[in-house]
Amino acid sequence: MLKHKLVIGTMSLALSVAIAASANASLASNDDNNDVGEGTVCETSLGAVAVKGLVVPDGASCTLDGTMVEQDIFVGSGANLVANAVKVGGDIQGKGAKDVQIMPDSVVGGDIQLKEGGSATMDHVKVRGDVQLELNSRMLNVSATVVGGSLQVFKNTGGVTLNGNQVIEDIQCKENTPDPTGGENSAGNKKEDQCAQL
């Protein structure tokens, strides 16, 4: 238990430092008039700028490259998000999103919650909170990702692959069709149900 507490503390500090450092760098770039403001709507792309919160509207497509989002990202119904090396202070949430890709070197200070959508990919991502994937209809792939809370995969129907993830609390998989596949995942507490052998 002490080891797990130390790991959680170290991870939380590392994530906080990464987010703060990215924020400082992005805010410094805003002195060159690169600030796109708060409550930003993304329908095309954003680069290495800082925003308060970000929304991908229903049916839109957004690509982020090195973007700092101080609060949350919300991905609308039928929308697409590709996030490359982003730093997010809050959550990434999607309900009915068509496709969400969170790519290497991205850091999320809160949770990732993707429900009732299509496909999703998380590759070499650091998440301070939980990852929740529920009632999605297309392929889900989570690989080499560090999760500070639990990884919960429930009632998905398009296939799930989990490979090489480090989860500080539990990995919980229930009522997915087909059963999730993958391996070499570690959980600080338990790997349960369909993910018990992964």
N, C-alpha and C. Protein backbone atom coordinates (compact mmCIF):
# COMPACT_ATOMS: atom_id res chain seq x y z
N MET A 1 0.83 -1.21 0.00
CA MET A 1 0.00 0.00 0.00
C MET A 1 0.86 1.25 0.00
N LEU A 2 1.93 1.24 0.83
CA LEU A 2 2.82 2.41 0.85
C LEU A 2 3.44 2.64 -0.50
N LYS A 3 3.82 1.54 -1.18
CA LYS A 3 4.41 1.68 -2.52
C LYS A 3 3.43 2.33 -3.47
N HIS A 4 2.16 1.90 -3.41
CA HIS A 4 1.15 2.48 -4.30
C HIS A 4 0.95 3.94 -4.01
N LYS A 5 0.93 4.32 -2.71
CA LYS A 5 0.76 5.73 -2.36
C LYS A 5 1.92 6.57 -2.88
N LEU A 6 3.13 6.00 -2.79
CA LEU A 6 4.29 6.73 -3.28
C LEU A 6 4.22 6.90 -4.79
N VAL A 7 3.77 5.84 -5.50
CA VAL A 7 3.64 5.93 -6.95
C VAL A 7 2.62 6.98 -7.34
N ILE A 8 1.47 6.97 -6.64
CA ILE A 8 0.42 7.95 -6.93
C ILE A 8 0.93 9.36 -6.68
N GLY A 9 1.62 9.57 -5.55
CA GLY A 9 2.14 10.89 -5.23
C GLY A 9 3.15 11.37 -6.26
N THR A 10 4.03 10.47 -6.66
CA THR A 10 5.05 10.82 -7.65
C THR A 10 4.42 11.14 -8.99
N MET A 11 3.43 10.32 -9.39
CA MET A 11 2.76 10.55 -10.67
C MET A 11 2.01 11.86 -10.65
N SER A 12 1.29 12.14 -9.54
CA SER A 12 0.52 13.38 -9.45
C SER A 12 1.43 14.59 -9.54
N LEU A 13 2.57 14.53 -8.87
CA LEU A 13 3.52 15.64 -8.92
C LEU A 13 4.06 15.81 -10.33
N ALA A 14 4.39 14.69 -10.98
CA ALA A 14 4.93 14.77 -12.34
C ALA A 14 3.91 15.36 -13.31
N LEU A 15 2.66 14.94 -13.18
CA LEU A 15 1.62 15.48 -14.06
C LEU A 15 1.41 16.96 -13.81
N SER A 16 1.40 17.35 -12.52
CA SER A 16 1.20 18.76 -12.19
C SER A 16 2.32 19.62 -12.75
N VAL A 17 3.55 19.13 -12.64
CA VAL A 17 4.70 19.87 -13.15
C VAL A 17 4.61 20.00 -14.66
N ALA A 18 4.23 18.87 -15.33
CA ALA A 18 4.12 18.90 -16.80
C ALA A 18 3.07 19.89 -17.27
N ILE A 19 1.92 19.88 -16.60
CA ILE A 19 0.85 20.80 -16.99
C ILE A 19 1.26 22.24 -16.74
N ALA A 20 1.86 22.50 -15.58
CA ALA A 20 2.28 23.87 -15.26
C ALA A 20 3.34 24.37 -16.22
N ALA A 21 4.30 23.51 -16.54
CA ALA A 21 5.36 23.92 -17.47
C ALA A 21 4.80 24.23 -18.83
N SER A 22 3.88 23.37 -19.29
CA SER A 22 3.28 23.62 -20.60
C SER A 22 2.46 24.89 -20.60
N ALA A 23 1.75 25.12 -19.50
CA ALA A 23 0.94 26.35 -19.41
C ALA A 23 1.83 27.58 -19.49
N ASN A 24 2.94 27.57 -18.76
CA ASN A 24 3.84 28.72 -18.78
C ASN A 24 4.39 28.97 -20.18
N ALA A 25 4.76 27.88 -20.86
CA ALA A 25 5.30 28.03 -22.21
C ALA A 25 4.24 28.56 -23.16
N SER A 26 3.02 28.02 -23.06
CA SER A 26 1.96 28.45 -23.95
C SER A 26 1.55 29.88 -23.67
N LEU A 27 1.46 30.24 -22.39
CA LEU A 27 1.06 31.60 -22.05
C LEU A 27 2.13 32.60 -22.49
N ALA A 28 3.40 32.16 -22.43
CA ALA A 28 4.46 33.05 -22.90
C ALA A 28 4.30 33.32 -24.38
N SER A 29 3.88 32.28 -25.14
CA SER A 29 3.69 32.47 -26.57
C SER A 29 2.54 33.42 -26.86
N ASN A 30 1.61 33.57 -25.90
CA ASN A 30 0.48 34.46 -26.12
C ASN A 30 0.90 35.92 -26.18
N ASP A 31 2.10 36.24 -25.69
CA ASP A 31 2.60 37.61 -25.79
C ASP A 31 2.80 38.00 -27.25
N ASP A 32 2.90 36.99 -28.12
CA ASP A 32 3.02 37.24 -29.55
C ASP A 32 1.66 37.18 -30.24
N ASN A 33 0.59 37.42 -29.45
CA ASN A 33 -0.77 37.46 -29.98
C ASN A 33 -1.25 36.12 -30.53
N ASN A 34 -0.82 35.01 -29.89
CA ASN A 34 -1.28 33.70 -30.30
C ASN A 34 -2.43 33.20 -29.45
N ASP A 35 -2.85 33.95 -28.44
CA ASP A 35 -3.93 33.52 -27.57
C ASP A 35 -5.25 33.51 -28.34
N VAL A 36 -5.96 32.40 -28.30
CA VAL A 36 -7.23 32.31 -29.00
C VAL A 36 -8.41 32.44 -28.04
N GLY A 37 -8.14 32.83 -26.79
CA GLY A 37 -9.22 33.15 -25.87
C GLY A 37 -9.76 31.94 -25.13
N GLU A 38 -10.88 32.17 -24.38
CA GLU A 38 -11.46 31.09 -23.60
C GLU A 38 -12.78 30.65 -24.21
N GLY A 39 -13.24 29.46 -23.85
CA GLY A 39 -14.44 28.93 -24.45
C GLY A 39 -14.28 28.68 -25.93
N THR A 40 -13.14 28.16 -26.33
CA THR A 40 -12.80 28.04 -27.75
C THR A 40 -13.57 26.92 -28.43
N VAL A 41 -14.09 27.20 -29.60
CA VAL A 41 -14.72 26.19 -30.46
C VAL A 41 -13.72 25.81 -31.54
N CYS A 42 -13.43 24.52 -31.65
CA CYS A 42 -12.46 24.04 -32.65
C CYS A 42 -13.18 23.23 -33.71
N GLU A 43 -13.10 23.69 -34.96
CA GLU A 43 -13.70 22.98 -36.08
C GLU A 43 -12.67 22.65 -37.17
N THR A 44 -11.42 23.05 -36.95
CA THR A 44 -10.35 22.73 -37.91
C THR A 44 -9.12 22.26 -37.13
N SER A 45 -8.24 23.20 -36.74
CA SER A 45 -7.03 22.81 -36.02
C SER A 45 -6.54 23.95 -35.15
N LEU A 46 -5.77 23.57 -34.13
CA LEU A 46 -5.08 24.52 -33.25
C LEU A 46 -3.68 24.01 -33.00
N GLY A 47 -2.73 24.94 -32.91
CA GLY A 47 -1.36 24.57 -32.61
C GLY A 47 -1.02 24.82 -31.16
N ALA A 48 0.23 25.25 -30.92
CA ALA A 48 0.75 25.42 -29.56
C ALA A 48 0.30 26.74 -28.96
N VAL A 49 -0.98 26.82 -28.64
CA VAL A 49 -1.56 27.99 -27.99
C VAL A 49 -2.24 27.53 -26.70
N ALA A 50 -2.62 28.49 -25.86
CA ALA A 50 -3.31 28.18 -24.60
C ALA A 50 -4.75 28.66 -24.67
N VAL A 51 -5.68 27.81 -24.25
CA VAL A 51 -7.09 28.17 -24.20
C VAL A 51 -7.65 27.76 -22.84
N LYS A 52 -8.77 28.38 -22.45
CA LYS A 52 -9.41 28.03 -21.18
C LYS A 52 -10.04 26.65 -21.26
N GLY A 53 -11.03 26.52 -22.13
CA GLY A 53 -11.72 25.26 -22.37
C GLY A 53 -11.92 25.12 -23.86
N LEU A 54 -12.26 23.91 -24.30
CA LEU A 54 -12.37 23.69 -25.73
C LEU A 54 -13.54 22.77 -26.03
N VAL A 55 -14.30 23.11 -27.08
CA VAL A 55 -15.44 22.32 -27.53
C VAL A 55 -15.27 21.96 -29.00
N VAL A 56 -15.44 20.69 -29.32
CA VAL A 56 -15.55 20.26 -30.71
C VAL A 56 -17.04 20.05 -30.97
N PRO A 57 -17.67 20.90 -31.78
CA PRO A 57 -19.12 20.83 -31.95
C PRO A 57 -19.57 19.53 -32.62
N ASP A 58 -20.85 19.24 -32.51
CA ASP A 58 -21.43 18.07 -33.16
C ASP A 58 -21.05 18.04 -34.63
N GLY A 59 -20.51 16.89 -35.07
CA GLY A 59 -20.19 16.70 -36.48
C GLY A 59 -18.92 17.34 -36.97
N ALA A 60 -18.23 18.08 -36.12
CA ALA A 60 -17.01 18.78 -36.54
C ALA A 60 -15.78 17.89 -36.35
N SER A 61 -14.65 18.33 -36.93
CA SER A 61 -13.37 17.65 -36.78
C SER A 61 -12.32 18.65 -36.32
N CYS A 62 -11.55 18.27 -35.31
CA CYS A 62 -10.55 19.17 -34.72
C CYS A 62 -9.25 18.40 -34.52
N THR A 63 -8.13 19.03 -34.92
CA THR A 63 -6.81 18.49 -34.65
C THR A 63 -6.05 19.47 -33.76
N LEU A 64 -5.52 18.97 -32.66
CA LEU A 64 -4.74 19.77 -31.73
C LEU A 64 -3.29 19.30 -31.78
N ASP A 65 -2.37 20.25 -31.84
CA ASP A 65 -0.95 19.91 -31.91
C ASP A 65 -0.19 20.75 -30.89
N GLY A 66 0.11 20.15 -29.73
CA GLY A 66 0.82 20.88 -28.67
C GLY A 66 -0.01 21.91 -27.96
N THR A 67 -1.32 21.79 -28.02
CA THR A 67 -2.23 22.78 -27.43
C THR A 67 -2.33 22.58 -25.92
N MET A 68 -2.42 23.69 -25.18
CA MET A 68 -2.63 23.66 -23.73
C MET A 68 -4.08 24.08 -23.45
N VAL A 69 -4.85 23.19 -22.84
CA VAL A 69 -6.24 23.48 -22.46
C VAL A 69 -6.30 23.50 -20.94
N GLU A 70 -6.58 24.66 -20.37
CA GLU A 70 -6.51 24.81 -18.92
C GLU A 70 -7.61 24.05 -18.20
N GLN A 71 -8.79 23.93 -18.84
CA GLN A 71 -9.91 23.25 -18.18
C GLN A 71 -10.27 21.98 -18.96
N ASP A 72 -11.49 21.87 -19.49
CA ASP A 72 -11.96 20.63 -20.10
C ASP A 72 -12.03 20.71 -21.62
N ILE A 73 -11.99 19.54 -22.24
CA ILE A 73 -12.31 19.38 -23.66
C ILE A 73 -13.59 18.57 -23.75
N PHE A 74 -14.56 19.06 -24.54
CA PHE A 74 -15.78 18.30 -24.77
C PHE A 74 -15.91 18.04 -26.27
N VAL A 75 -16.13 16.76 -26.62
CA VAL A 75 -16.26 16.35 -28.01
C VAL A 75 -17.71 15.96 -28.26
N GLY A 76 -18.36 16.65 -29.19
CA GLY A 76 -19.77 16.48 -29.43
C GLY A 76 -20.13 15.24 -30.23
N SER A 77 -21.43 15.04 -30.41
CA SER A 77 -21.95 13.89 -31.14
C SER A 77 -21.49 13.91 -32.59
N GLY A 78 -20.97 12.77 -33.07
CA GLY A 78 -20.51 12.66 -34.44
C GLY A 78 -19.24 13.43 -34.74
N ALA A 79 -18.57 13.95 -33.72
CA ALA A 79 -17.37 14.77 -33.91
C ALA A 79 -16.11 13.92 -33.84
N ASN A 80 -15.01 14.47 -34.40
CA ASN A 80 -13.71 13.81 -34.41
C ASN A 80 -12.68 14.70 -33.73
N LEU A 81 -11.83 14.10 -32.91
CA LEU A 81 -10.73 14.82 -32.26
C LEU A 81 -9.45 14.04 -32.40
N VAL A 82 -8.39 14.70 -32.88
CA VAL A 82 -7.04 14.16 -32.84
C VAL A 82 -6.22 15.10 -31.98
N ALA A 83 -5.69 14.60 -30.87
CA ALA A 83 -4.95 15.42 -29.92
C ALA A 83 -3.51 14.92 -29.84
N ASN A 84 -2.58 15.72 -30.37
CA ASN A 84 -1.16 15.36 -30.38
C ASN A 84 -0.41 16.17 -29.32
N ALA A 85 0.19 15.48 -28.35
CA ALA A 85 1.03 16.14 -27.34
C ALA A 85 0.32 17.32 -26.68
N VAL A 86 -0.93 17.10 -26.29
CA VAL A 86 -1.69 18.16 -25.62
C VAL A 86 -1.50 18.08 -24.11
N LYS A 87 -1.74 19.21 -23.44
CA LYS A 87 -1.75 19.26 -21.98
C LYS A 87 -3.12 19.79 -21.56
N VAL A 88 -3.87 18.98 -20.82
CA VAL A 88 -5.23 19.32 -20.44
C VAL A 88 -5.32 19.35 -18.92
N GLY A 89 -5.74 20.49 -18.36
CA GLY A 89 -5.82 20.60 -16.91
C GLY A 89 -7.01 19.87 -16.32
N GLY A 90 -8.10 19.74 -17.10
CA GLY A 90 -9.31 19.09 -16.61
C GLY A 90 -9.55 17.76 -17.29
N ASP A 91 -10.80 17.55 -17.75
CA ASP A 91 -11.22 16.28 -18.33
C ASP A 91 -11.27 16.36 -19.86
N ILE A 92 -11.25 15.19 -20.49
CA ILE A 92 -11.67 15.04 -21.88
C ILE A 92 -12.94 14.21 -21.86
N GLN A 93 -14.03 14.79 -22.36
CA GLN A 93 -15.33 14.13 -22.32
C GLN A 93 -15.93 14.06 -23.72
N GLY A 94 -16.47 12.91 -24.05
CA GLY A 94 -17.16 12.77 -25.32
C GLY A 94 -18.41 11.95 -25.13
N LYS A 95 -19.53 12.40 -25.70
CA LYS A 95 -20.76 11.62 -25.71
C LYS A 95 -21.25 11.55 -27.15
N GLY A 96 -21.19 10.35 -27.70
CA GLY A 96 -21.59 10.18 -29.09
C GLY A 96 -20.53 10.60 -30.09
N ALA A 97 -19.29 10.82 -29.64
CA ALA A 97 -18.21 11.23 -30.55
C ALA A 97 -17.91 10.11 -31.55
N LYS A 98 -17.61 10.50 -32.78
CA LYS A 98 -17.33 9.51 -33.82
C LYS A 98 -15.97 8.85 -33.63
N ASP A 99 -14.93 9.67 -33.38
CA ASP A 99 -13.58 9.13 -33.21
C ASP A 99 -12.75 10.10 -32.38
N VAL A 100 -12.09 9.56 -31.34
CA VAL A 100 -11.23 10.37 -30.48
C VAL A 100 -9.86 9.70 -30.42
N GLN A 101 -8.82 10.44 -30.80
CA GLN A 101 -7.45 9.93 -30.77
C GLN A 101 -6.62 10.84 -29.86
N ILE A 102 -6.11 10.28 -28.78
CA ILE A 102 -5.24 11.02 -27.86
C ILE A 102 -3.86 10.38 -27.98
N MET A 103 -2.94 11.14 -28.54
CA MET A 103 -1.70 10.57 -29.03
C MET A 103 -0.53 10.81 -28.08
N PRO A 104 0.65 10.25 -28.39
CA PRO A 104 1.78 10.28 -27.46
C PRO A 104 2.14 11.67 -26.94
N ASP A 105 2.63 11.64 -25.70
CA ASP A 105 3.10 12.83 -24.97
C ASP A 105 1.96 13.74 -24.53
N SER A 106 0.73 13.24 -24.57
CA SER A 106 -0.39 14.01 -24.04
C SER A 106 -0.55 13.74 -22.55
N VAL A 107 -0.94 14.78 -21.81
CA VAL A 107 -1.14 14.69 -20.35
C VAL A 107 -2.51 15.25 -20.02
N VAL A 108 -3.29 14.48 -19.27
CA VAL A 108 -4.63 14.88 -18.88
C VAL A 108 -4.70 14.93 -17.34
N GLY A 109 -5.01 16.13 -16.81
CA GLY A 109 -5.02 16.30 -15.36
C GLY A 109 -6.24 15.74 -14.67
N GLY A 110 -7.32 15.49 -15.42
CA GLY A 110 -8.55 14.94 -14.85
C GLY A 110 -8.83 13.55 -15.39
N ASP A 111 -10.09 13.33 -15.82
CA ASP A 111 -10.52 12.04 -16.34
C ASP A 111 -10.66 12.08 -17.86
N ILE A 112 -10.68 10.90 -18.47
CA ILE A 112 -11.11 10.74 -19.85
C ILE A 112 -12.38 9.90 -19.82
N GLN A 113 -13.47 10.47 -20.33
CA GLN A 113 -14.77 9.80 -20.33
C GLN A 113 -15.33 9.82 -21.75
N LEU A 114 -15.43 8.65 -22.38
CA LEU A 114 -15.95 8.54 -23.74
C LEU A 114 -17.09 7.53 -23.72
N LYS A 115 -18.30 8.01 -24.00
CA LYS A 115 -19.48 7.17 -23.87
C LYS A 115 -20.38 7.30 -25.11
N GLU A 116 -20.99 6.16 -25.48
CA GLU A 116 -22.01 6.12 -26.54
C GLU A 116 -21.48 6.66 -27.87
N GLY A 117 -20.19 6.41 -28.12
CA GLY A 117 -19.57 6.92 -29.35
C GLY A 117 -19.10 5.81 -30.26
N GLY A 118 -18.11 6.16 -31.10
CA GLY A 118 -17.55 5.22 -32.06
C GLY A 118 -16.23 4.67 -31.58
N SER A 119 -15.14 5.06 -32.25
CA SER A 119 -13.82 4.53 -31.96
C SER A 119 -13.01 5.50 -31.10
N ALA A 120 -11.97 4.94 -30.45
CA ALA A 120 -11.08 5.77 -29.64
C ALA A 120 -9.71 5.11 -29.55
N THR A 121 -8.68 5.96 -29.51
CA THR A 121 -7.31 5.51 -29.34
C THR A 121 -6.62 6.36 -28.28
N MET A 122 -5.92 5.71 -27.37
CA MET A 122 -5.04 6.39 -26.41
C MET A 122 -3.70 5.69 -26.46
N ASP A 123 -2.67 6.43 -26.82
CA ASP A 123 -1.35 5.85 -27.04
C ASP A 123 -0.30 6.67 -26.31
N HIS A 124 0.36 6.07 -25.31
CA HIS A 124 1.40 6.74 -24.53
C HIS A 124 0.87 8.06 -23.94
N VAL A 125 -0.23 7.96 -23.21
CA VAL A 125 -0.88 9.10 -22.58
C VAL A 125 -0.73 8.98 -21.07
N LYS A 126 -0.67 10.12 -20.38
CA LYS A 126 -0.67 10.13 -18.91
C LYS A 126 -1.97 10.78 -18.44
N VAL A 127 -2.72 10.04 -17.63
CA VAL A 127 -4.02 10.50 -17.14
C VAL A 127 -3.99 10.48 -15.62
N ARG A 128 -4.25 11.62 -15.01
CA ARG A 128 -4.19 11.68 -13.55
C ARG A 128 -5.40 11.02 -12.89
N GLY A 129 -6.56 11.08 -13.54
CA GLY A 129 -7.78 10.51 -12.98
C GLY A 129 -8.11 9.15 -13.56
N ASP A 130 -9.41 8.94 -13.87
CA ASP A 130 -9.89 7.67 -14.40
C ASP A 130 -10.02 7.73 -15.92
N VAL A 131 -10.05 6.56 -16.53
CA VAL A 131 -10.42 6.42 -17.94
C VAL A 131 -11.68 5.57 -17.98
N GLN A 132 -12.75 6.11 -18.57
CA GLN A 132 -14.03 5.41 -18.64
C GLN A 132 -14.48 5.31 -20.09
N LEU A 133 -14.62 4.08 -20.58
CA LEU A 133 -15.05 3.81 -21.95
C LEU A 133 -16.31 2.96 -21.85
N GLU A 134 -17.45 3.51 -22.30
CA GLU A 134 -18.72 2.82 -22.06
C GLU A 134 -19.67 2.98 -23.25
N LEU A 135 -20.25 1.85 -23.68
CA LEU A 135 -21.29 1.84 -24.71
C LEU A 135 -20.81 2.42 -26.05
N ASN A 136 -19.55 2.18 -26.37
CA ASN A 136 -19.02 2.61 -27.67
C ASN A 136 -19.16 1.47 -28.68
N SER A 137 -19.32 1.83 -29.96
CA SER A 137 -19.69 0.84 -30.97
C SER A 137 -18.58 0.44 -31.93
N ARG A 138 -17.42 1.11 -31.85
CA ARG A 138 -16.32 0.76 -32.74
C ARG A 138 -15.06 0.48 -31.93
N MET A 139 -13.95 0.23 -32.62
CA MET A 139 -12.74 -0.25 -31.96
C MET A 139 -12.16 0.75 -30.97
N LEU A 140 -11.78 0.23 -29.80
CA LEU A 140 -11.12 1.01 -28.75
C LEU A 140 -9.73 0.42 -28.51
N ASN A 141 -8.73 1.28 -28.49
CA ASN A 141 -7.35 0.83 -28.32
C ASN A 141 -6.66 1.70 -27.29
N VAL A 142 -6.25 1.12 -26.17
CA VAL A 142 -5.52 1.84 -25.14
C VAL A 142 -4.18 1.14 -24.95
N SER A 143 -3.08 1.87 -25.20
CA SER A 143 -1.77 1.23 -25.13
C SER A 143 -0.75 2.15 -24.45
N ALA A 144 0.13 1.52 -23.66
CA ALA A 144 1.25 2.20 -23.01
C ALA A 144 0.82 3.49 -22.32
N THR A 145 -0.34 3.45 -21.68
CA THR A 145 -0.90 4.63 -21.02
C THR A 145 -0.86 4.46 -19.50
N VAL A 146 -0.54 5.54 -18.80
CA VAL A 146 -0.50 5.55 -17.34
C VAL A 146 -1.77 6.20 -16.83
N VAL A 147 -2.49 5.48 -15.97
CA VAL A 147 -3.76 5.96 -15.44
C VAL A 147 -3.65 6.07 -13.92
N GLY A 148 -3.85 7.28 -13.39
CA GLY A 148 -3.70 7.50 -11.96
C GLY A 148 -4.84 6.96 -11.13
N GLY A 149 -6.00 6.73 -11.75
CA GLY A 149 -7.15 6.16 -11.07
C GLY A 149 -7.42 4.76 -11.57
N SER A 150 -8.66 4.53 -12.06
CA SER A 150 -9.06 3.23 -12.58
C SER A 150 -9.31 3.30 -14.09
N LEU A 151 -9.18 2.17 -14.76
CA LEU A 151 -9.54 2.00 -16.16
C LEU A 151 -10.80 1.16 -16.20
N GLN A 152 -11.90 1.76 -16.68
CA GLN A 152 -13.21 1.10 -16.67
C GLN A 152 -13.71 0.97 -18.10
N VAL A 153 -13.99 -0.27 -18.51
CA VAL A 153 -14.38 -0.56 -19.89
C VAL A 153 -15.67 -1.39 -19.83
N PHE A 154 -16.81 -0.75 -20.16
CA PHE A 154 -18.11 -1.38 -19.94
C PHE A 154 -18.98 -1.33 -21.20
N LYS A 155 -19.57 -2.46 -21.56
CA LYS A 155 -20.65 -2.55 -22.54
C LYS A 155 -20.29 -1.98 -23.92
N ASN A 156 -19.05 -2.17 -24.35
CA ASN A 156 -18.64 -1.74 -25.68
C ASN A 156 -18.82 -2.89 -26.67
N THR A 157 -19.12 -2.57 -27.92
CA THR A 157 -19.48 -3.61 -28.88
C THR A 157 -18.60 -3.65 -30.14
N GLY A 158 -17.58 -2.82 -30.23
CA GLY A 158 -16.75 -2.78 -31.42
C GLY A 158 -15.38 -3.41 -31.27
N GLY A 159 -15.10 -3.96 -30.10
CA GLY A 159 -13.79 -4.54 -29.82
C GLY A 159 -12.94 -3.61 -28.98
N VAL A 160 -12.16 -4.18 -28.06
CA VAL A 160 -11.29 -3.42 -27.15
C VAL A 160 -9.94 -4.10 -27.09
N THR A 161 -8.87 -3.32 -27.26
CA THR A 161 -7.52 -3.83 -27.10
C THR A 161 -6.80 -3.01 -26.03
N LEU A 162 -6.26 -3.69 -25.02
CA LEU A 162 -5.52 -3.05 -23.94
C LEU A 162 -4.13 -3.68 -23.88
N ASN A 163 -3.11 -2.86 -24.12
CA ASN A 163 -1.74 -3.37 -24.14
C ASN A 163 -0.79 -2.48 -23.35
N GLY A 164 -0.08 -3.07 -22.39
CA GLY A 164 1.03 -2.40 -21.73
C GLY A 164 0.66 -1.16 -20.95
N ASN A 165 -0.53 -1.15 -20.34
CA ASN A 165 -0.96 0.01 -19.57
C ASN A 165 -0.62 -0.15 -18.09
N GLN A 166 -0.32 0.96 -17.43
CA GLN A 166 -0.04 0.97 -15.99
C GLN A 166 -1.17 1.73 -15.30
N VAL A 167 -1.96 1.00 -14.52
CA VAL A 167 -3.13 1.58 -13.86
C VAL A 167 -2.90 1.52 -12.35
N ILE A 168 -3.00 2.65 -11.68
CA ILE A 168 -2.67 2.71 -10.26
C ILE A 168 -3.73 2.02 -9.40
N GLU A 169 -5.00 2.10 -9.80
CA GLU A 169 -6.06 1.46 -9.03
C GLU A 169 -6.52 0.18 -9.73
N ASP A 170 -7.75 0.13 -10.27
CA ASP A 170 -8.30 -1.10 -10.82
C ASP A 170 -8.45 -1.04 -12.34
N ILE A 171 -8.40 -2.21 -12.98
CA ILE A 171 -8.83 -2.37 -14.36
C ILE A 171 -10.12 -3.19 -14.31
N GLN A 172 -11.21 -2.59 -14.78
CA GLN A 172 -12.53 -3.21 -14.67
C GLN A 172 -13.15 -3.32 -16.06
N CYS A 173 -13.49 -4.53 -16.49
CA CYS A 173 -14.08 -4.75 -17.81
C CYS A 173 -15.30 -5.64 -17.66
N LYS A 174 -16.47 -5.14 -18.10
CA LYS A 174 -17.71 -5.90 -17.95
C LYS A 174 -18.60 -5.72 -19.18
N GLU A 175 -19.22 -6.81 -19.59
CA GLU A 175 -20.27 -6.82 -20.60
C GLU A 175 -19.84 -6.23 -21.95
N ASN A 176 -18.56 -6.43 -22.29
CA ASN A 176 -18.07 -6.03 -23.61
C ASN A 176 -18.22 -7.19 -24.58
N THR A 177 -18.64 -6.91 -25.82
CA THR A 177 -18.80 -7.93 -26.85
C THR A 177 -18.11 -7.46 -28.13
N PRO A 178 -17.04 -8.15 -28.57
CA PRO A 178 -16.42 -9.33 -27.98
C PRO A 178 -15.60 -8.98 -26.73
N ASP A 179 -15.04 -10.02 -26.10
CA ASP A 179 -14.19 -9.80 -24.93
C ASP A 179 -12.97 -8.96 -25.31
N PRO A 180 -12.51 -8.10 -24.41
CA PRO A 180 -11.29 -7.35 -24.66
C PRO A 180 -10.09 -8.28 -24.85
N THR A 181 -9.12 -7.80 -25.65
CA THR A 181 -7.89 -8.55 -25.89
C THR A 181 -6.69 -7.68 -25.50
N GLY A 182 -5.50 -8.31 -25.49
CA GLY A 182 -4.28 -7.59 -25.18
C GLY A 182 -3.50 -8.29 -24.08
N GLY A 183 -2.61 -7.53 -23.42
CA GLY A 183 -1.82 -8.12 -22.36
C GLY A 183 -0.81 -7.14 -21.78
N GLU A 184 -0.07 -7.61 -20.77
CA GLU A 184 0.99 -6.86 -20.10
C GLU A 184 0.48 -5.56 -19.48
N ASN A 185 -0.76 -5.61 -18.97
CA ASN A 185 -1.31 -4.48 -18.23
C ASN A 185 -1.12 -4.72 -16.74
N SER A 186 -0.82 -3.66 -15.99
CA SER A 186 -0.65 -3.79 -14.54
C SER A 186 -1.66 -2.92 -13.82
N ALA A 187 -2.14 -3.43 -12.69
CA ALA A 187 -3.09 -2.69 -11.85
C ALA A 187 -2.59 -2.71 -10.41
N GLY A 188 -2.63 -1.54 -9.76
CA GLY A 188 -2.19 -1.45 -8.38
C GLY A 188 -3.08 -2.23 -7.43
N ASN A 189 -4.36 -2.32 -7.76
CA ASN A 189 -5.30 -3.10 -6.95
C ASN A 189 -5.66 -4.39 -7.68
N LYS A 190 -6.70 -4.36 -8.54
CA LYS A 190 -7.16 -5.59 -9.16
C LYS A 190 -7.43 -5.41 -10.65
N LYS A 191 -7.28 -6.53 -11.38
CA LYS A 191 -7.78 -6.65 -12.74
C LYS A 191 -9.01 -7.57 -12.67
N GLU A 192 -10.15 -7.06 -13.11
CA GLU A 192 -11.40 -7.76 -12.84
C GLU A 192 -12.11 -8.24 -14.10
N ASP A 193 -12.93 -9.29 -13.92
CA ASP A 193 -13.86 -9.80 -14.90
C ASP A 193 -13.18 -10.07 -16.25
N GLN A 194 -13.62 -9.46 -17.32
CA GLN A 194 -13.09 -9.76 -18.66
C GLN A 194 -11.62 -9.39 -18.82
N CYS A 195 -11.10 -8.54 -17.95
CA CYS A 195 -9.70 -8.11 -18.06
C CYS A 195 -8.80 -8.80 -17.03
N ALA A 196 -9.32 -9.78 -16.34
CA ALA A 196 -8.55 -10.41 -15.27
C ALA A 196 -7.24 -11.02 -15.77
N GLN A 197 -7.23 -11.50 -17.01
CA GLN A 197 -6.04 -12.18 -17.54
C GLN A 197 -5.24 -11.29 -18.49
N LEU A 198 -5.59 -10.01 -18.56
CA LEU A 198 -4.89 -9.11 -19.49
C LEU A 198 -3.80 -8.31 -18.78
